[in-house]
Amino acid sequence: MRRLLATLLFLGACAEAIPEKVVLKPEAEAVQVVTDRPNADQYVALGEVTGTAQGADKEAVTTQAKNELRNQTAQRGGTVVSVDSVDPRHEWQGRRVVVKVTGTAYKPKD
């Protein structure tokens, strides 16, 4: 019983740490989200970026997670982020969806 209670408390704490809304920063508004990697002759990779969000609507939650990708890409000086994977999970008997989006940030070559 103690183990179950500890697990439930841990999951509750994790759920609170995952945002429902990710505010898109002004500098990230110009970051383009793409599904294919950009041309290696024109862009240089800046590294992996990850966004996670939660909510009731999978599409809206995915958009929020992508906002975090755009924010992180802009913070690194990038202008394009390619989405490498989208991992949706249903939690708490299907009432919530947690979406983790992983991508690669890019900037134009100098």
C-alpha atoms as a PDB file:
ATOM      1  CA  MET A   1       0.000   0.000   0.000  1.00  0.00           C
ATOM      2  CA  ARG A   2       2.839   2.407   0.808  1.00  0.00           C
ATOM      3  CA  ARG A   3       4.460   1.737  -2.556  1.00  0.00           C
ATOM      4  CA  LEU A   4       1.192   2.493  -4.374  1.00  0.00           C
ATOM      5  CA  LEU A   5       0.715   5.710  -2.425  1.00  0.00           C
ATOM      6  CA  ALA A   6       4.303   6.795  -3.137  1.00  0.00           C
ATOM      7  CA  THR A   7       3.840   6.078  -6.845  1.00  0.00           C
ATOM      8  CA  LEU A   8       0.603   8.072  -6.994  1.00  0.00           C
ATOM      9  CA  LEU A   9       2.208  11.017  -5.203  1.00  0.00           C
ATOM     10  CA  PHE A  10       5.167  10.907  -7.587  1.00  0.00           C
ATOM     11  CA  LEU A  11       2.908  10.834 -10.649  1.00  0.00           C
ATOM     12  CA  GLY A  12       0.878  13.717  -9.269  1.00  0.00           C
ATOM     13  CA  ALA A  13       4.014  15.781  -8.722  1.00  0.00           C
ATOM     14  CA  CYS A  14       5.229  15.016 -12.245  1.00  0.00           C
ATOM     15  CA  ALA A  15       1.885  15.979 -13.776  1.00  0.00           C
ATOM     16  CA  GLU A  16       2.039  19.376 -12.058  1.00  0.00           C
ATOM     17  CA  ALA A  17       5.532  20.013 -13.418  1.00  0.00           C
ATOM     18  CA  ILE A  18       4.344  19.577 -17.017  1.00  0.00           C
ATOM     19  CA  PRO A  19       2.753  22.793 -18.310  1.00  0.00           C
ATOM     20  CA  GLU A  20      -0.643  23.032 -19.982  1.00  0.00           C
ATOM     21  CA  LYS A  21       0.284  26.253 -21.741  1.00  0.00           C
ATOM     22  CA  VAL A  22       3.672  27.209 -23.101  1.00  0.00           C
ATOM     23  CA  VAL A  23       3.922  30.904 -23.880  1.00  0.00           C
ATOM     24  CA  LEU A  24       5.621  31.464 -27.219  1.00  0.00           C
ATOM     25  CA  LYS A  25       8.320  34.063 -26.681  1.00  0.00           C
ATOM     26  CA  PRO A  26       8.433  36.974 -29.162  1.00  0.00           C
ATOM     27  CA  GLU A  27      11.856  35.923 -30.479  1.00  0.00           C
ATOM     28  CA  ALA A  28      10.478  32.423 -31.191  1.00  0.00           C
ATOM     29  CA  GLU A  29       7.564  33.585 -33.342  1.00  0.00           C
ATOM     30  CA  ALA A  30       9.753  33.518 -36.469  1.00  0.00           C
ATOM     31  CA  VAL A  31      11.056  29.971 -35.815  1.00  0.00           C
ATOM     32  CA  GLN A  32       9.703  27.642 -38.475  1.00  0.00           C
ATOM     33  CA  VAL A  33       8.605  24.103 -37.503  1.00  0.00           C
ATOM     34  CA  VAL A  34       9.256  21.500 -40.225  1.00  0.00           C
ATOM     35  CA  THR A  35       8.905  17.732 -40.486  1.00  0.00           C
ATOM     36  CA  ASP A  36      11.960  17.147 -42.679  1.00  0.00           C
ATOM     37  CA  ARG A  37      15.505  18.152 -41.853  1.00  0.00           C
ATOM     38  CA  PRO A  38      16.587  21.279 -43.727  1.00  0.00           C
ATOM     39  CA  ASN A  39      19.239  21.205 -46.441  1.00  0.00           C
ATOM     40  CA  ALA A  40      22.640  20.505 -44.838  1.00  0.00           C
ATOM     41  CA  ASP A  41      24.294  22.808 -47.393  1.00  0.00           C
ATOM     42  CA  GLN A  42      22.281  25.743 -46.047  1.00  0.00           C
ATOM     43  CA  TYR A  43      21.731  24.964 -42.335  1.00  0.00           C
ATOM     44  CA  VAL A  44      23.830  23.830 -39.394  1.00  0.00           C
ATOM     45  CA  ALA A  45      22.370  21.764 -36.532  1.00  0.00           C
ATOM     46  CA  LEU A  46      22.439  23.343 -33.076  1.00  0.00           C
ATOM     47  CA  GLY A  47      21.352  20.263 -31.145  1.00  0.00           C
ATOM     48  CA  GLU A  48      18.314  18.505 -29.755  1.00  0.00           C
ATOM     49  CA  VAL A  49      15.368  20.371 -28.261  1.00  0.00           C
ATOM     50  CA  THR A  50      12.460  18.870 -26.326  1.00  0.00           C
ATOM     51  CA  GLY A  51       9.029  20.165 -25.396  1.00  0.00           C
ATOM     52  CA  THR A  52       6.425  18.566 -23.158  1.00  0.00           C
ATOM     53  CA  ALA A  53       2.886  19.702 -22.386  1.00  0.00           C
ATOM     54  CA  GLN A  54      -0.315  18.247 -20.978  1.00  0.00           C
ATOM     55  CA  GLY A  55      -4.028  18.812 -21.378  1.00  0.00           C
ATOM     56  CA  ALA A  56      -7.278  17.292 -22.569  1.00  0.00           C
ATOM     57  CA  ASP A  57      -6.928  17.848 -26.337  1.00  0.00           C
ATOM     58  CA  LYS A  58      -4.057  16.045 -28.088  1.00  0.00           C
ATOM     59  CA  GLU A  59      -3.786  18.559 -30.946  1.00  0.00           C
ATOM     60  CA  ALA A  60      -3.715  21.573 -28.620  1.00  0.00           C
ATOM     61  CA  VAL A  61      -1.200  19.879 -26.321  1.00  0.00           C
ATOM     62  CA  THR A  62       1.040  19.056 -29.294  1.00  0.00           C
ATOM     63  CA  THR A  63       0.963  22.723 -30.332  1.00  0.00           C
ATOM     64  CA  GLN A  64       2.001  23.760 -26.813  1.00  0.00           C
ATOM     65  CA  ALA A  65       4.897  21.266 -26.817  1.00  0.00           C
ATOM     66  CA  LYS A  66       6.019  22.623 -30.206  1.00  0.00           C
ATOM     67  CA  ASN A  67       5.954  26.139 -28.728  1.00  0.00           C
ATOM     68  CA  GLU A  68       8.628  24.961 -26.288  1.00  0.00           C
ATOM     69  CA  LEU A  69      10.690  23.617 -29.226  1.00  0.00           C
ATOM     70  CA  ARG A  70      10.430  27.013 -30.904  1.00  0.00           C
ATOM     71  CA  ASN A  71      11.410  28.839 -27.687  1.00  0.00           C
ATOM     72  CA  GLN A  72      14.469  26.636 -27.186  1.00  0.00           C
ATOM     73  CA  THR A  73      15.476  26.970 -30.845  1.00  0.00           C
ATOM     74  CA  ALA A  74      15.275  30.772 -30.683  1.00  0.00           C
ATOM     75  CA  GLN A  75      17.269  30.765 -27.439  1.00  0.00           C
ATOM     76  CA  ARG A  76      20.074  28.938 -29.273  1.00  0.00           C
ATOM     77  CA  GLY A  77      19.974  31.389 -32.183  1.00  0.00           C
ATOM     78  CA  GLY A  78      18.130  29.043 -34.537  1.00  0.00           C
ATOM     79  CA  THR A  79      15.442  29.785 -37.087  1.00  0.00           C
ATOM     80  CA  VAL A  80      14.202  26.271 -37.962  1.00  0.00           C
ATOM     81  CA  VAL A  81      13.302  23.240 -35.861  1.00  0.00           C
ATOM     82  CA  SER A  82      12.660  19.828 -37.384  1.00  0.00           C
ATOM     83  CA  VAL A  83      10.318  17.534 -35.481  1.00  0.00           C
ATOM     84  CA  ASP A  84      12.004  14.173 -34.963  1.00  0.00           C
ATOM     85  CA  SER A  85       9.365  12.452 -32.792  1.00  0.00           C
ATOM     86  CA  VAL A  86       5.997  13.021 -31.164  1.00  0.00           C
ATOM     87  CA  ASP A  87       5.184  10.814 -28.173  1.00  0.00           C
ATOM     88  CA  PRO A  88       1.628  11.140 -26.775  1.00  0.00           C
ATOM     89  CA  ARG A  89       0.692   9.349 -23.529  1.00  0.00           C
ATOM     90  CA  HIS A  90      -2.719   9.072 -21.947  1.00  0.00           C
ATOM     91  CA  GLU A  91      -2.721   9.379 -18.185  1.00  0.00           C
ATOM     92  CA  TRP A  92      -5.240   9.121 -15.379  1.00  0.00           C
ATOM     93  CA  GLN A  93      -7.694   6.890 -17.211  1.00  0.00           C
ATOM     94  CA  GLY A  94      -7.615   8.878 -20.436  1.00  0.00           C
ATOM     95  CA  ARG A  95      -8.547  12.250 -18.940  1.00  0.00           C
ATOM     96  CA  ARG A  96      -5.183  13.860 -19.711  1.00  0.00           C
ATOM     97  CA  VAL A  97      -2.795  13.632 -22.599  1.00  0.00           C
ATOM     98  CA  VAL A  98       0.903  14.293 -22.127  1.00  0.00           C
ATOM     99  CA  VAL A  99       2.791  14.959 -25.360  1.00  0.00           C
ATOM    100  CA  LYS A 100       6.561  15.006 -25.653  1.00  0.00           C
ATOM    101  CA  VAL A 101       7.960  16.411 -28.891  1.00  0.00           C
ATOM    102  CA  THR A 102      11.639  16.050 -29.721  1.00  0.00           C
ATOM    103  CA  GLY A 103      13.363  17.923 -32.510  1.00  0.00           C
ATOM    104  CA  THR A 104      16.602  19.361 -33.810  1.00  0.00           C
ATOM    105  CA  ALA A 105      17.290  23.109 -33.863  1.00  0.00           C
ATOM    106  CA  TYR A 106      19.000  24.656 -36.908  1.00  0.00           C
ATOM    107  CA  LYS A 107      20.382  28.005 -38.006  1.00  0.00           C
ATOM    108  CA  PRO A 108      21.469  29.168 -41.448  1.00  0.00           C
ATOM    109  CA  LYS A 109      25.141  28.665 -42.248  1.00  0.00           C
ATOM    110  CA  ASP A 110      27.248  31.809 -42.130  1.00  0.00           C
END
